[in-house]
Amino acid sequence: MRQRRKSVKAWSAQPTRRVAVVGIAALGAVSLLGGCGFETRQQAAAIVNGHVIHESDVRQTFDQLKAAKLDFAENIVVTALVAAPLLKEAVAKTGSWKPDETYASVIASIPDATDTTKEFVEAVALIQSQRMTPADVAAYRDDLKKADISINPKYGAVVKSEEGPVYFTIGQQTPNWVKPGANAAPATAQ
């Protein structure tokens, strides 16, 4: 006679399997989301108080300015875009400056100007207008000191300055202990 096998269900194995599947899915989601953040940081020209200035936006602004015969180096574009929100916030408190004729004429010369290009032009027009009050400058400098600014090493680093109008530059900083000098290695005779 044939004996029937009784099916044995191992209930304890199924929860473990479920936990493993959920754990793997969660790990995959975290990896994907974490990767997005890393990729965003890698594509950033700068990050100012959590706001990302993308490399592609800097390049597009640079190209639009160049097409309009406005010659600015990329690191100047990044500098102005880093300063722009801080400058805008400083003058918004007092209302000492609003986009003016200079801003309007430059924007008119750039067809389909991107928002980033408009931010750049606004920052430069504000600086060139010299209409910031002493209170505006003090507020801007205070905000600049508190700002969390990260720069893509491609452009260098933030170099603080006591000179206006932006009180910093972006570029390579040479430590004061590094002195340019003559080649110390003797030439070899051949």
Protein backbone atom coordinates (compact mmCIF):
# COMPACT_ATOMS: atom_id res chain seq x y z
CA MET A 1 0.00 0.00 0.00
CA ARG A 2 0.98 3.42 -0.72
CA GLN A 3 1.32 5.72 2.11
CA ARG A 4 0.22 9.26 1.71
CA ARG A 5 2.65 11.90 2.60
CA LYS A 6 1.41 14.61 4.78
CA SER A 7 2.42 18.01 3.68
CA VAL A 8 4.42 19.76 6.27
CA LYS A 9 4.33 23.50 6.20
CA ALA A 10 7.21 25.26 7.74
CA TRP A 11 5.60 28.47 8.80
CA SER A 12 8.79 29.74 10.32
CA ALA A 13 10.58 29.79 6.94
CA GLN A 14 8.07 32.08 5.23
CA PRO A 15 8.43 35.10 7.55
CA THR A 16 12.19 34.86 7.22
CA ARG A 17 11.87 34.83 3.46
CA ARG A 18 9.51 37.83 3.57
CA VAL A 19 11.89 39.75 5.80
CA ALA A 20 14.77 38.96 3.44
CA VAL A 21 12.79 40.12 0.38
CA VAL A 22 11.67 43.32 2.12
CA GLY A 23 15.23 43.92 3.35
CA ILE A 24 16.68 43.50 -0.13
CA ALA A 25 14.03 45.80 -1.61
CA ALA A 26 14.70 48.44 1.04
CA LEU A 27 18.45 48.19 0.52
CA GLY A 28 17.95 48.60 -3.23
CA ALA A 29 15.75 51.67 -2.73
CA VAL A 30 18.25 53.26 -0.35
CA SER A 31 21.07 52.56 -2.81
CA LEU A 32 19.15 54.13 -5.67
CA LEU A 33 18.16 57.20 -3.67
CA GLY A 34 21.64 57.58 -2.22
CA GLY A 35 23.10 57.33 -5.71
CA CYS A 36 20.86 60.17 -6.90
CA GLY A 37 22.21 62.44 -4.19
CA PHE A 38 25.79 61.55 -5.05
CA GLU A 39 25.15 62.05 -8.76
CA THR A 40 23.53 65.43 -8.07
CA ARG A 41 26.52 66.51 -5.99
CA GLN A 42 28.86 65.37 -8.75
CA GLN A 43 26.94 67.40 -11.33
CA ALA A 44 26.89 70.49 -9.14
CA ALA A 45 29.07 73.47 -9.89
CA ALA A 46 28.19 74.76 -6.43
CA ILE A 47 25.75 74.25 -3.59
CA VAL A 48 24.60 77.30 -1.61
CA ASN A 49 22.57 76.63 1.52
CA GLY A 50 21.26 73.41 -0.02
CA HIS A 51 20.41 74.98 -3.41
CA VAL A 52 22.26 73.19 -6.22
CA ILE A 53 23.76 75.19 -9.09
CA HIS A 54 24.14 72.56 -11.81
CA GLU A 55 27.12 72.34 -14.15
CA SER A 56 24.73 72.27 -17.11
CA ASP A 57 23.13 75.56 -15.98
CA VAL A 58 26.55 77.21 -15.64
CA ARG A 59 27.51 75.98 -19.11
CA GLN A 60 24.22 77.14 -20.63
CA THR A 61 24.52 80.57 -18.98
CA PHE A 62 28.14 80.84 -20.16
CA ASP A 63 27.08 79.94 -23.71
CA GLN A 64 24.16 82.39 -23.71
CA LEU A 65 26.39 85.21 -22.45
CA LYS A 66 29.03 84.38 -25.05
CA ALA A 67 26.42 84.39 -27.84
CA ALA A 68 25.33 87.85 -26.66
CA LYS A 69 28.99 89.00 -26.87
CA LEU A 70 29.29 89.22 -23.07
CA ASP A 71 32.66 87.80 -22.11
CA PHE A 72 32.65 86.18 -18.66
CA ALA A 73 34.78 83.23 -17.57
CA GLU A 74 32.94 80.20 -16.17
CA ASN A 75 34.30 80.76 -12.66
CA ILE A 76 32.89 84.32 -12.76
CA VAL A 77 29.52 82.85 -13.76
CA VAL A 78 29.73 80.48 -10.77
CA THR A 79 30.81 83.34 -8.46
CA ALA A 80 27.84 85.49 -9.48
CA LEU A 81 25.42 82.57 -9.17
CA VAL A 82 26.72 81.80 -5.67
CA ALA A 83 26.35 85.46 -4.64
CA ALA A 84 23.00 86.01 -6.40
CA PRO A 85 20.58 84.63 -3.80
CA LEU A 86 22.48 86.30 -0.96
CA LEU A 87 22.55 89.65 -2.78
CA LYS A 88 18.89 89.39 -3.72
CA GLU A 89 17.88 88.64 -0.13
CA ALA A 90 19.95 91.56 1.20
CA VAL A 91 18.36 94.17 -1.08
CA ALA A 92 14.87 92.68 -0.75
CA LYS A 93 14.84 93.69 2.92
CA THR A 94 15.31 97.39 2.10
CA GLY A 95 13.98 97.52 -1.44
CA SER A 96 17.03 99.55 -2.48
CA TRP A 97 17.30 97.86 -5.87
CA LYS A 98 14.93 96.30 -8.37
CA PRO A 99 15.85 95.03 -11.84
CA ASP A 100 16.62 98.18 -13.83
CA GLU A 101 17.26 99.32 -17.41
CA THR A 102 20.67 97.65 -17.47
CA TYR A 103 19.12 94.33 -16.51
CA ALA A 104 16.28 94.76 -19.03
CA SER A 105 18.60 95.65 -21.93
CA VAL A 106 20.96 92.74 -21.27
CA ILE A 107 18.10 90.25 -20.94
CA ALA A 108 16.59 91.63 -24.17
CA SER A 109 19.88 90.83 -25.95
CA ILE A 110 19.72 87.16 -24.87
CA PRO A 111 16.92 85.29 -26.64
CA ASP A 112 15.30 82.61 -24.47
CA ALA A 113 17.44 83.47 -21.44
CA THR A 114 17.26 80.69 -18.86
CA ASP A 115 16.34 81.41 -15.25
CA THR A 116 19.98 80.85 -14.31
CA THR A 117 21.11 83.39 -16.91
CA LYS A 118 18.57 85.87 -15.55
CA GLU A 119 19.91 85.29 -12.01
CA PHE A 120 23.45 85.94 -13.24
CA VAL A 121 22.46 89.13 -15.08
CA GLU A 122 20.46 90.33 -12.07
CA ALA A 123 23.44 89.82 -9.73
CA VAL A 124 25.86 91.59 -12.07
CA ALA A 125 23.42 94.47 -12.73
CA LEU A 126 22.89 94.89 -8.98
CA ILE A 127 26.63 94.97 -8.31
CA GLN A 128 27.29 97.42 -11.16
CA SER A 129 24.45 99.71 -10.07
CA GLN A 130 26.29 100.46 -6.82
CA ARG A 131 22.90 101.05 -5.18
CA MET A 132 23.39 98.77 -2.21
CA THR A 133 23.08 100.74 1.01
CA PRO A 134 25.53 100.19 3.87
CA ALA A 135 22.75 98.20 5.60
CA ASP A 136 22.40 96.03 2.46
CA VAL A 137 26.14 95.37 2.38
CA ALA A 138 26.19 94.53 6.10
CA ALA A 139 23.24 92.13 5.70
CA TYR A 140 24.85 90.52 2.65
CA ARG A 141 28.20 90.07 4.41
CA ASP A 142 26.47 88.61 7.46
CA ASP A 143 24.52 86.16 5.25
CA LEU A 144 27.73 85.30 3.39
CA LYS A 145 29.50 84.43 6.66
CA LYS A 146 26.64 82.11 7.66
CA ALA A 147 26.19 80.56 4.21
CA ASP A 148 26.98 76.90 3.64
CA ILE A 149 28.80 77.01 0.29
CA SER A 150 30.37 74.04 -1.50
CA ILE A 151 32.22 74.51 -4.77
CA ASN A 152 33.08 71.85 -7.34
CA PRO A 153 36.90 71.49 -7.20
CA LYS A 154 36.96 72.08 -10.96
CA TYR A 155 36.42 75.77 -10.17
CA GLY A 156 38.64 75.90 -7.11
CA ALA A 157 37.43 76.99 -3.71
CA VAL A 158 35.77 79.96 -2.05
CA VAL A 159 38.50 82.44 -1.15
CA LYS A 160 37.15 84.97 1.38
CA SER A 161 38.09 88.59 0.84
CA GLU A 162 37.62 91.89 2.64
CA GLU A 163 37.12 93.65 -0.68
CA GLY A 164 33.73 94.14 -2.31
CA PRO A 165 31.54 93.92 -4.10
CA VAL A 166 31.08 90.17 -3.45
CA TYR A 167 33.72 89.73 -0.70
CA PHE A 168 34.92 86.39 -2.04
CA THR A 169 36.34 84.88 -5.18
CA ILE A 170 36.24 81.37 -6.52
CA GLY A 171 39.55 80.05 -7.67
CA GLN A 172 42.72 78.33 -6.63
CA GLN A 173 44.09 79.31 -3.28
CA THR A 174 47.85 79.13 -2.86
CA PRO A 175 48.89 78.58 0.74
CA ASN A 176 51.09 81.40 2.06
CA TRP A 177 53.90 78.94 2.77
CA VAL A 178 54.21 77.92 -0.90
CA LYS A 179 56.63 80.23 -2.64
CA PRO A 180 57.25 80.10 -6.37
CA GLY A 181 60.92 79.60 -6.95
CA ALA A 182 63.57 78.50 -9.36
CA ASN A 183 63.81 74.86 -10.33
CA ALA A 184 65.67 73.23 -7.45
CA ALA A 185 66.62 70.13 -9.43
CA PRO A 186 69.90 70.56 -11.30
CA ALA A 187 69.84 70.02 -15.03
CA THR A 188 71.55 66.86 -16.17
CA ALA A 189 74.24 67.05 -18.81
CA GLN A 190 73.85 64.84 -21.84
